[in-house]
Amino acid sequence: MKQILLLSDTHGYIDDRIMKHVKHADEVWHAGDIGDLAVTDRIKAEKPLVAVFGNIDGAEARREFREHERFVREGVDVWITHIGGYPNRYNARIRETIRKRPPKLFICGHSHILKVQFDHKLKLLHMNPGAVGRKGFHKKRTMLRFAIDKGEVKNLEVVEFEDR
C-alpha cells in the first residue's frame, strides 16, 4: 500500500504546511503548473515525485517533466496530465486516447477546482486536487491524500487551507 499526496497548480508556492503532508506520504504527484522548480526540488528532497508540466511552466520545467505521465502503482493504472477535462468533457487532445485505453485513475489540474468524479462510461476515477498555490481565483487552497492498494484507491481525504 502506498500513501499518495496529490497536488496541482502551486504556481511557484510551497510552504511548511504543505511539506508536513509531503513528509507523511510515500509519493507525491503534481498535476502541473509548478511555476518554479524550487517547488519540485523541495518535494523531491523529501519524497519520490511524479510530476507533469502545465501551461504556465517554462522551458526548464518542460525539460525536466513530461506533458503526460502514465504508470501503474500498486495495481492501479494512473494517467496524470495538466489539462485533461472532465468525464463527458475530456480535452480534445486526449479524448480519443482516453476512450480507447482508459486508465483506472485519471488525474488533471488546471481548473483550480477540486473535483473527484467517477466516469461511468469509461469506468475510471477522475481526480482534480484543485490548486494549492496562492495565484488564481480559488477561495481555498486544496490538495488530496489517498492510498492505493491492490488495484484500489482508498481513504480519500481533502486537505484544505483557508488562506490564499
N, C-alpha and C. Protein backbone atom coordinates (compact mmCIF):
# COMPACT_ATOMS: atom_id res chain seq x y z
N MET A 1 0.85 -1.18 0.00
CA MET A 1 0.00 0.00 0.00
C MET A 1 0.89 1.24 0.00
N LYS A 2 0.48 2.23 -0.81
CA LYS A 2 1.21 3.50 -0.86
C LYS A 2 0.28 4.64 -0.52
N GLN A 3 0.80 5.56 0.27
CA GLN A 3 0.08 6.79 0.61
C GLN A 3 0.51 7.86 -0.40
N ILE A 4 -0.46 8.46 -1.06
CA ILE A 4 -0.19 9.44 -2.11
C ILE A 4 -0.68 10.82 -1.67
N LEU A 5 0.13 11.82 -1.93
CA LEU A 5 -0.29 13.21 -1.79
C LEU A 5 -0.38 13.76 -3.21
N LEU A 6 -1.55 14.25 -3.59
CA LEU A 6 -1.79 14.78 -4.93
C LEU A 6 -2.02 16.28 -4.84
N LEU A 7 -1.21 17.03 -5.58
CA LEU A 7 -1.38 18.48 -5.62
C LEU A 7 -1.21 18.99 -7.04
N SER A 8 -1.60 20.22 -7.23
CA SER A 8 -1.52 20.86 -8.54
C SER A 8 -1.51 22.36 -8.37
N ASP A 9 -1.13 23.02 -9.43
CA ASP A 9 -1.24 24.48 -9.52
C ASP A 9 -0.61 25.18 -8.31
N THR A 10 0.64 24.83 -8.05
CA THR A 10 1.39 25.50 -6.99
C THR A 10 1.80 26.90 -7.42
N HIS A 11 1.98 27.11 -8.71
CA HIS A 11 2.35 28.43 -9.24
C HIS A 11 3.53 29.03 -8.49
N GLY A 12 4.52 28.18 -8.18
CA GLY A 12 5.73 28.65 -7.53
C GLY A 12 5.67 28.73 -6.02
N TYR A 13 4.57 28.27 -5.42
CA TYR A 13 4.40 28.42 -3.98
C TYR A 13 4.41 27.07 -3.27
N ILE A 14 5.17 26.99 -2.20
CA ILE A 14 5.13 25.84 -1.30
C ILE A 14 5.48 26.36 0.10
N ASP A 15 4.85 25.80 1.11
CA ASP A 15 5.12 26.24 2.47
C ASP A 15 5.28 25.04 3.40
N ASP A 16 5.57 25.29 4.65
CA ASP A 16 5.81 24.22 5.61
C ASP A 16 4.56 23.39 5.86
N ARG A 17 3.38 23.99 5.73
CA ARG A 17 2.15 23.21 5.95
C ARG A 17 1.96 22.18 4.84
N ILE A 18 2.29 22.52 3.61
CA ILE A 18 2.25 21.54 2.52
C ILE A 18 3.31 20.47 2.77
N MET A 19 4.50 20.91 3.14
CA MET A 19 5.60 19.97 3.37
C MET A 19 5.31 18.99 4.51
N LYS A 20 4.52 19.40 5.48
CA LYS A 20 4.12 18.49 6.55
C LYS A 20 3.38 17.29 5.97
N HIS A 21 2.54 17.54 4.98
CA HIS A 21 1.79 16.46 4.33
C HIS A 21 2.70 15.65 3.41
N VAL A 22 3.65 16.32 2.78
CA VAL A 22 4.63 15.61 1.94
C VAL A 22 5.36 14.57 2.78
N LYS A 23 5.76 14.93 3.97
CA LYS A 23 6.54 14.03 4.83
C LYS A 23 5.76 12.78 5.23
N HIS A 24 4.43 12.85 5.24
CA HIS A 24 3.60 11.70 5.62
C HIS A 24 3.19 10.85 4.42
N ALA A 25 3.57 11.24 3.22
CA ALA A 25 3.22 10.48 2.01
C ALA A 25 4.36 9.54 1.64
N ASP A 26 4.02 8.51 0.90
CA ASP A 26 5.06 7.65 0.31
C ASP A 26 5.53 8.24 -1.02
N GLU A 27 4.60 8.85 -1.75
CA GLU A 27 4.91 9.51 -3.02
C GLU A 27 4.07 10.78 -3.12
N VAL A 28 4.58 11.75 -3.89
CA VAL A 28 3.85 12.97 -4.18
C VAL A 28 3.66 13.04 -5.69
N TRP A 29 2.43 13.36 -6.11
CA TRP A 29 2.12 13.53 -7.52
C TRP A 29 1.67 14.97 -7.73
N HIS A 30 2.27 15.64 -8.72
CA HIS A 30 1.97 17.04 -9.02
C HIS A 30 1.40 17.12 -10.43
N ALA A 31 0.18 17.64 -10.55
CA ALA A 31 -0.53 17.67 -11.83
C ALA A 31 -0.35 18.99 -12.58
N GLY A 32 0.82 19.59 -12.50
CA GLY A 32 1.18 20.70 -13.38
C GLY A 32 0.93 22.09 -12.84
N ASP A 33 1.43 23.06 -13.61
CA ASP A 33 1.55 24.46 -13.21
C ASP A 33 2.39 24.56 -11.94
N ILE A 34 3.60 24.05 -12.08
CA ILE A 34 4.58 24.05 -10.99
C ILE A 34 5.00 25.48 -10.68
N GLY A 35 5.33 26.23 -11.71
CA GLY A 35 5.66 27.64 -11.55
C GLY A 35 7.10 27.94 -11.27
N ASP A 36 7.74 27.15 -10.43
CA ASP A 36 9.15 27.35 -10.08
C ASP A 36 9.68 25.99 -9.67
N LEU A 37 10.78 25.57 -10.26
CA LEU A 37 11.32 24.25 -9.94
C LEU A 37 11.80 24.13 -8.50
N ALA A 38 11.91 25.24 -7.79
CA ALA A 38 12.22 25.17 -6.36
C ALA A 38 11.14 24.37 -5.62
N VAL A 39 9.89 24.43 -6.11
CA VAL A 39 8.79 23.67 -5.52
C VAL A 39 9.05 22.18 -5.64
N THR A 40 9.31 21.72 -6.86
CA THR A 40 9.52 20.28 -7.06
C THR A 40 10.84 19.83 -6.47
N ASP A 41 11.85 20.69 -6.47
CA ASP A 41 13.12 20.33 -5.84
C ASP A 41 12.93 20.09 -4.34
N ARG A 42 12.15 20.94 -3.71
CA ARG A 42 11.90 20.78 -2.27
C ARG A 42 11.15 19.48 -1.98
N ILE A 43 10.17 19.18 -2.81
CA ILE A 43 9.42 17.93 -2.63
C ILE A 43 10.32 16.73 -2.86
N LYS A 44 11.11 16.76 -3.95
CA LYS A 44 11.99 15.63 -4.28
C LYS A 44 13.06 15.39 -3.21
N ALA A 45 13.41 16.41 -2.48
CA ALA A 45 14.38 16.25 -1.40
C ALA A 45 13.81 15.39 -0.26
N GLU A 46 12.48 15.30 -0.19
CA GLU A 46 11.81 14.54 0.88
C GLU A 46 11.25 13.21 0.42
N LYS A 47 10.61 13.20 -0.77
CA LYS A 47 9.86 12.01 -1.21
C LYS A 47 9.96 11.83 -2.73
N PRO A 48 9.70 10.61 -3.21
CA PRO A 48 9.62 10.42 -4.66
C PRO A 48 8.49 11.27 -5.25
N LEU A 49 8.74 11.84 -6.42
CA LEU A 49 7.80 12.75 -7.06
C LEU A 49 7.52 12.29 -8.49
N VAL A 50 6.25 12.31 -8.85
CA VAL A 50 5.82 12.18 -10.24
C VAL A 50 5.13 13.49 -10.57
N ALA A 51 5.58 14.16 -11.62
CA ALA A 51 5.01 15.47 -11.96
C ALA A 51 4.91 15.62 -13.47
N VAL A 52 3.99 16.48 -13.89
CA VAL A 52 3.86 16.87 -15.29
C VAL A 52 3.95 18.39 -15.35
N PHE A 53 4.32 18.90 -16.52
CA PHE A 53 4.33 20.36 -16.65
C PHE A 53 2.93 20.84 -17.00
N GLY A 54 2.68 22.12 -16.69
CA GLY A 54 1.40 22.74 -17.01
C GLY A 54 1.58 23.87 -17.99
N ASN A 55 0.50 24.52 -18.32
CA ASN A 55 0.53 25.57 -19.35
C ASN A 55 1.33 26.80 -18.94
N ILE A 56 1.53 27.05 -17.64
CA ILE A 56 2.33 28.22 -17.24
C ILE A 56 3.81 27.90 -17.13
N ASP A 57 4.15 26.61 -17.19
CA ASP A 57 5.53 26.20 -16.96
C ASP A 57 6.40 26.46 -18.19
N GLY A 58 7.61 26.96 -17.92
CA GLY A 58 8.54 27.33 -18.98
C GLY A 58 9.41 26.17 -19.43
N ALA A 59 10.42 26.52 -20.20
CA ALA A 59 11.29 25.54 -20.83
C ALA A 59 12.00 24.65 -19.81
N GLU A 60 12.41 25.21 -18.69
CA GLU A 60 13.14 24.43 -17.70
C GLU A 60 12.27 23.30 -17.15
N ALA A 61 11.04 23.59 -16.80
CA ALA A 61 10.11 22.57 -16.30
C ALA A 61 9.78 21.56 -17.40
N ARG A 62 9.65 22.04 -18.62
CA ARG A 62 9.31 21.16 -19.74
C ARG A 62 10.47 20.23 -20.10
N ARG A 63 11.68 20.63 -19.76
CA ARG A 63 12.82 19.73 -19.95
C ARG A 63 12.84 18.64 -18.87
N GLU A 64 12.44 19.00 -17.67
CA GLU A 64 12.50 18.04 -16.57
C GLU A 64 11.29 17.12 -16.51
N PHE A 65 10.12 17.64 -16.86
CA PHE A 65 8.89 16.87 -16.74
C PHE A 65 8.20 16.75 -18.09
N ARG A 66 7.36 15.73 -18.20
CA ARG A 66 6.63 15.49 -19.45
C ARG A 66 5.21 16.06 -19.35
N GLU A 67 4.54 16.11 -20.48
CA GLU A 67 3.15 16.59 -20.50
C GLU A 67 2.20 15.56 -19.90
N HIS A 68 2.48 14.30 -20.11
CA HIS A 68 1.66 13.20 -19.60
C HIS A 68 2.56 12.20 -18.87
N GLU A 69 2.04 11.63 -17.81
CA GLU A 69 2.69 10.50 -17.15
C GLU A 69 1.65 9.40 -17.05
N ARG A 70 2.02 8.23 -17.51
CA ARG A 70 1.14 7.05 -17.43
C ARG A 70 1.96 5.93 -16.80
N PHE A 71 1.47 5.37 -15.70
CA PHE A 71 2.22 4.37 -14.96
C PHE A 71 1.26 3.53 -14.13
N VAL A 72 1.77 2.45 -13.57
CA VAL A 72 0.99 1.59 -12.69
C VAL A 72 1.63 1.60 -11.31
N ARG A 73 0.81 1.85 -10.28
CA ARG A 73 1.25 1.79 -8.89
C ARG A 73 0.28 0.88 -8.15
N GLU A 74 0.84 -0.09 -7.46
CA GLU A 74 0.03 -0.98 -6.63
C GLU A 74 -1.18 -1.53 -7.40
N GLY A 75 -0.98 -1.81 -8.68
CA GLY A 75 -2.05 -2.38 -9.50
C GLY A 75 -3.04 -1.37 -10.06
N VAL A 76 -2.80 -0.08 -9.87
CA VAL A 76 -3.69 0.97 -10.39
C VAL A 76 -3.01 1.64 -11.58
N ASP A 77 -3.68 1.60 -12.73
CA ASP A 77 -3.22 2.29 -13.94
C ASP A 77 -3.57 3.77 -13.78
N VAL A 78 -2.54 4.62 -13.77
CA VAL A 78 -2.69 6.05 -13.49
C VAL A 78 -2.25 6.86 -14.70
N TRP A 79 -3.01 7.89 -15.03
CA TRP A 79 -2.62 8.84 -16.07
C TRP A 79 -2.75 10.23 -15.46
N ILE A 80 -1.63 10.99 -15.49
CA ILE A 80 -1.62 12.37 -15.00
C ILE A 80 -1.29 13.29 -16.16
N THR A 81 -2.07 14.34 -16.31
CA THR A 81 -1.80 15.40 -17.27
C THR A 81 -2.36 16.69 -16.68
N HIS A 82 -1.91 17.83 -17.17
CA HIS A 82 -2.39 19.07 -16.57
C HIS A 82 -3.77 19.46 -17.10
N ILE A 83 -3.91 19.52 -18.40
CA ILE A 83 -5.20 19.92 -19.00
C ILE A 83 -5.85 18.67 -19.56
N GLY A 84 -6.82 18.15 -18.82
CA GLY A 84 -7.43 16.89 -19.23
C GLY A 84 -8.94 16.94 -19.39
N GLY A 85 -9.57 17.92 -18.77
CA GLY A 85 -11.03 17.98 -18.83
C GLY A 85 -11.67 17.10 -17.77
N TYR A 86 -12.93 16.76 -17.99
CA TYR A 86 -13.73 16.01 -17.03
C TYR A 86 -14.53 14.94 -17.76
N PRO A 87 -15.08 13.97 -17.03
CA PRO A 87 -15.94 12.98 -17.68
C PRO A 87 -16.99 13.64 -18.57
N ASN A 88 -17.13 13.08 -19.75
CA ASN A 88 -18.03 13.58 -20.81
C ASN A 88 -17.56 14.91 -21.41
N ARG A 89 -16.46 15.46 -20.93
CA ARG A 89 -15.92 16.72 -21.45
C ARG A 89 -14.39 16.70 -21.44
N TYR A 90 -13.82 15.58 -21.89
CA TYR A 90 -12.36 15.49 -21.92
C TYR A 90 -11.79 16.42 -22.98
N ASN A 91 -10.60 16.90 -22.72
CA ASN A 91 -9.90 17.78 -23.64
C ASN A 91 -9.71 17.07 -24.99
N ALA A 92 -9.85 17.81 -26.07
CA ALA A 92 -9.78 17.23 -27.42
C ALA A 92 -8.45 16.52 -27.68
N ARG A 93 -7.37 17.00 -27.06
CA ARG A 93 -6.05 16.38 -27.30
C ARG A 93 -5.94 14.97 -26.74
N ILE A 94 -6.74 14.63 -25.74
CA ILE A 94 -6.63 13.31 -25.13
C ILE A 94 -7.88 12.46 -25.30
N ARG A 95 -8.93 13.04 -25.84
CA ARG A 95 -10.24 12.38 -25.89
C ARG A 95 -10.20 10.98 -26.50
N GLU A 96 -9.61 10.83 -27.66
CA GLU A 96 -9.57 9.52 -28.32
C GLU A 96 -8.75 8.51 -27.54
N THR A 97 -7.61 8.95 -27.04
CA THR A 97 -6.73 8.04 -26.29
C THR A 97 -7.42 7.54 -25.03
N ILE A 98 -8.07 8.43 -24.30
CA ILE A 98 -8.71 8.01 -23.05
C ILE A 98 -9.90 7.09 -23.33
N ARG A 99 -10.59 7.29 -24.44
CA ARG A 99 -11.71 6.40 -24.79
C ARG A 99 -11.20 5.01 -25.18
N LYS A 100 -10.11 4.98 -25.93
CA LYS A 100 -9.59 3.69 -26.41
C LYS A 100 -8.87 2.91 -25.32
N ARG A 101 -8.19 3.62 -24.42
CA ARG A 101 -7.40 2.95 -23.38
C ARG A 101 -7.52 3.72 -22.07
N PRO A 102 -8.68 3.65 -21.44
CA PRO A 102 -8.85 4.43 -20.20
C PRO A 102 -8.01 3.87 -19.06
N PRO A 103 -7.45 4.76 -18.25
CA PRO A 103 -6.77 4.31 -17.03
C PRO A 103 -7.81 4.00 -15.96
N LYS A 104 -7.37 3.50 -14.84
CA LYS A 104 -8.28 3.33 -13.69
C LYS A 104 -8.41 4.65 -12.93
N LEU A 105 -7.33 5.45 -12.94
CA LEU A 105 -7.30 6.74 -12.24
C LEU A 105 -6.77 7.80 -13.19
N PHE A 106 -7.59 8.79 -13.49
CA PHE A 106 -7.21 9.88 -14.38
C PHE A 106 -7.12 11.15 -13.56
N ILE A 107 -5.96 11.82 -13.61
CA ILE A 107 -5.70 13.00 -12.79
C ILE A 107 -5.33 14.18 -13.67
N CYS A 108 -5.92 15.32 -13.38
CA CYS A 108 -5.51 16.55 -14.06
C CYS A 108 -5.61 17.71 -13.06
N GLY A 109 -5.12 18.84 -13.48
CA GLY A 109 -5.18 20.07 -12.70
C GLY A 109 -5.84 21.14 -13.54
N HIS A 110 -5.24 22.30 -13.60
CA HIS A 110 -5.57 23.42 -14.49
C HIS A 110 -6.77 24.26 -14.05
N SER A 111 -7.88 23.65 -13.69
CA SER A 111 -9.11 24.41 -13.43
C SER A 111 -9.10 25.13 -12.08
N HIS A 112 -8.24 24.72 -11.16
CA HIS A 112 -8.22 25.21 -9.78
C HIS A 112 -9.48 24.80 -9.03
N ILE A 113 -10.24 23.87 -9.58
CA ILE A 113 -11.48 23.41 -8.96
C ILE A 113 -11.30 21.98 -8.48
N LEU A 114 -11.41 21.77 -7.18
CA LEU A 114 -11.33 20.44 -6.60
C LEU A 114 -12.52 19.62 -7.10
N LYS A 115 -12.22 18.46 -7.66
CA LYS A 115 -13.30 17.60 -8.16
C LYS A 115 -12.83 16.15 -8.16
N VAL A 116 -13.66 15.28 -7.62
CA VAL A 116 -13.45 13.84 -7.70
C VAL A 116 -14.75 13.27 -8.23
N GLN A 117 -14.65 12.54 -9.33
CA GLN A 117 -15.86 12.10 -10.02
C GLN A 117 -15.59 10.76 -10.69
N PHE A 118 -16.55 9.84 -10.60
CA PHE A 118 -16.41 8.57 -11.29
C PHE A 118 -17.02 8.70 -12.69
N ASP A 119 -16.27 8.27 -13.69
CA ASP A 119 -16.76 8.26 -15.07
C ASP A 119 -17.35 6.87 -15.32
N HIS A 120 -18.68 6.80 -15.34
CA HIS A 120 -19.36 5.51 -15.50
C HIS A 120 -19.18 4.93 -16.89
N LYS A 121 -19.06 5.78 -17.90
CA LYS A 121 -18.86 5.27 -19.27
C LYS A 121 -17.51 4.59 -19.42
N LEU A 122 -16.46 5.23 -18.92
CA LEU A 122 -15.10 4.70 -19.09
C LEU A 122 -14.62 3.89 -17.90
N LYS A 123 -15.43 3.83 -16.85
CA LYS A 123 -15.09 3.06 -15.65
C LYS A 123 -13.76 3.51 -15.05
N LEU A 124 -13.61 4.82 -14.88
CA LEU A 124 -12.40 5.37 -14.29
C LEU A 124 -12.76 6.40 -13.23
N LEU A 125 -11.83 6.60 -12.32
CA LEU A 125 -11.98 7.64 -11.30
C LEU A 125 -11.20 8.86 -11.75
N HIS A 126 -11.87 10.00 -11.81
CA HIS A 126 -11.26 11.26 -12.20
C HIS A 126 -10.99 12.09 -10.95
N MET A 127 -9.77 12.63 -10.84
CA MET A 127 -9.42 13.50 -9.71
C MET A 127 -8.77 14.78 -10.21
N ASN A 128 -9.20 15.88 -9.64
CA ASN A 128 -8.52 17.16 -9.79
C ASN A 128 -8.38 17.70 -8.37
N PRO A 129 -7.14 17.88 -7.90
CA PRO A 129 -6.95 18.28 -6.50
C PRO A 129 -7.21 19.76 -6.23
N GLY A 130 -7.63 20.51 -7.24
CA GLY A 130 -7.77 21.94 -7.07
C GLY A 130 -6.40 22.60 -7.13
N ALA A 131 -6.24 23.72 -6.48
CA ALA A 131 -4.97 24.46 -6.51
C ALA A 131 -4.48 24.67 -5.09
N VAL A 132 -3.19 24.40 -4.87
CA VAL A 132 -2.62 24.60 -3.54
C VAL A 132 -1.73 25.85 -3.51
N GLY A 133 -1.55 26.48 -4.66
CA GLY A 133 -0.80 27.73 -4.72
C GLY A 133 -1.67 28.92 -4.35
N ARG A 134 -1.07 30.08 -4.36
CA ARG A 134 -1.79 31.30 -3.96
C ARG A 134 -2.35 32.09 -5.14
N LYS A 135 -1.94 31.75 -6.36
CA LYS A 135 -2.40 32.50 -7.53
C LYS A 135 -3.61 31.83 -8.15
N GLY A 136 -4.60 32.64 -8.53
CA GLY A 136 -5.80 32.11 -9.16
C GLY A 136 -7.05 32.60 -8.47
N PHE A 137 -8.17 32.14 -8.98
CA PHE A 137 -9.46 32.62 -8.48
C PHE A 137 -10.00 31.79 -7.30
N HIS A 138 -9.41 30.64 -7.02
CA HIS A 138 -9.92 29.75 -5.98
C HIS A 138 -9.92 30.46 -4.63
N LYS A 139 -10.89 30.10 -3.80
CA LYS A 139 -11.02 30.72 -2.48
C LYS A 139 -10.19 30.00 -1.42
N LYS A 140 -10.06 28.68 -1.58
CA LYS A 140 -9.29 27.88 -0.64
C LYS A 140 -8.26 27.08 -1.40
N ARG A 141 -7.12 26.88 -0.77
CA ARG A 141 -6.08 26.04 -1.35
C ARG A 141 -6.37 24.60 -0.96
N THR A 142 -6.31 23.70 -1.93
CA THR A 142 -6.66 22.31 -1.67
C THR A 142 -5.67 21.34 -2.31
N MET A 143 -5.62 20.16 -1.75
CA MET A 143 -4.91 19.03 -2.32
C MET A 143 -5.59 17.77 -1.79
N LEU A 144 -5.20 16.61 -2.31
CA LEU A 144 -5.83 15.35 -1.94
C LEU A 144 -4.80 14.38 -1.38
N ARG A 145 -5.26 13.56 -0.43
CA ARG A 145 -4.47 12.44 0.09
C ARG A 145 -5.31 11.18 -0.11
N PHE A 146 -4.64 10.09 -0.49
CA PHE A 146 -5.33 8.82 -0.62
C PHE A 146 -4.30 7.70 -0.61
N ALA A 147 -4.81 6.49 -0.50
CA ALA A 147 -3.96 5.31 -0.56
C ALA A 147 -4.31 4.52 -1.81
N ILE A 148 -3.32 3.83 -2.34
CA ILE A 148 -3.58 2.86 -3.41
C ILE A 148 -3.04 1.52 -2.93
N ASP A 149 -3.87 0.50 -3.13
CA ASP A 149 -3.51 -0.82 -2.59
C ASP A 149 -4.23 -1.89 -3.39
N LYS A 150 -3.45 -2.82 -3.92
CA LYS A 150 -4.01 -3.98 -4.62
C LYS A 150 -5.07 -3.59 -5.64
N GLY A 151 -4.77 -2.59 -6.46
CA GLY A 151 -5.68 -2.19 -7.54
C GLY A 151 -6.81 -1.28 -7.13
N GLU A 152 -6.81 -0.80 -5.91
CA GLU A 152 -7.90 0.05 -5.42
C GLU A 152 -7.39 1.38 -4.89
N VAL A 153 -8.21 2.41 -5.06
CA VAL A 153 -7.97 3.72 -4.45
C VAL A 153 -8.80 3.76 -3.18
N LYS A 154 -8.15 4.09 -2.06
CA LYS A 154 -8.82 4.03 -0.75
C LYS A 154 -8.53 5.29 0.06
N ASN A 155 -9.37 5.51 1.06
CA ASN A 155 -9.13 6.52 2.10
C ASN A 155 -8.87 7.91 1.54
N LEU A 156 -9.66 8.34 0.61
CA LEU A 156 -9.51 9.66 0.00
C LEU A 156 -9.88 10.75 1.00
N GLU A 157 -8.98 11.74 1.12
CA GLU A 157 -9.21 12.88 2.01
C GLU A 157 -8.87 14.18 1.30
N VAL A 158 -9.63 15.21 1.57
CA VAL A 158 -9.33 16.54 1.08
C VAL A 158 -8.52 17.27 2.14
N VAL A 159 -7.43 17.90 1.73
CA VAL A 159 -6.65 18.77 2.60
C VAL A 159 -6.95 20.19 2.15
N GLU A 160 -7.40 21.02 3.08
CA GLU A 160 -7.86 22.36 2.73
C GLU A 160 -7.16 23.39 3.61
N PHE A 161 -6.71 24.46 2.97
CA PHE A 161 -6.10 25.58 3.68
C PHE A 161 -6.97 26.81 3.44
N GLU A 162 -7.31 27.50 4.51
CA GLU A 162 -8.21 28.65 4.41
C GLU A 162 -7.59 29.83 3.66
N ASP A 163 -6.34 30.11 3.95
CA ASP A 163 -5.74 31.31 3.37
C ASP A 163 -5.30 31.07 1.93
N ARG A 164 -5.45 32.06 1.13
CA ARG A 164 -4.98 32.01 -0.25
C ARG A 164 -4.05 33.17 -0.43
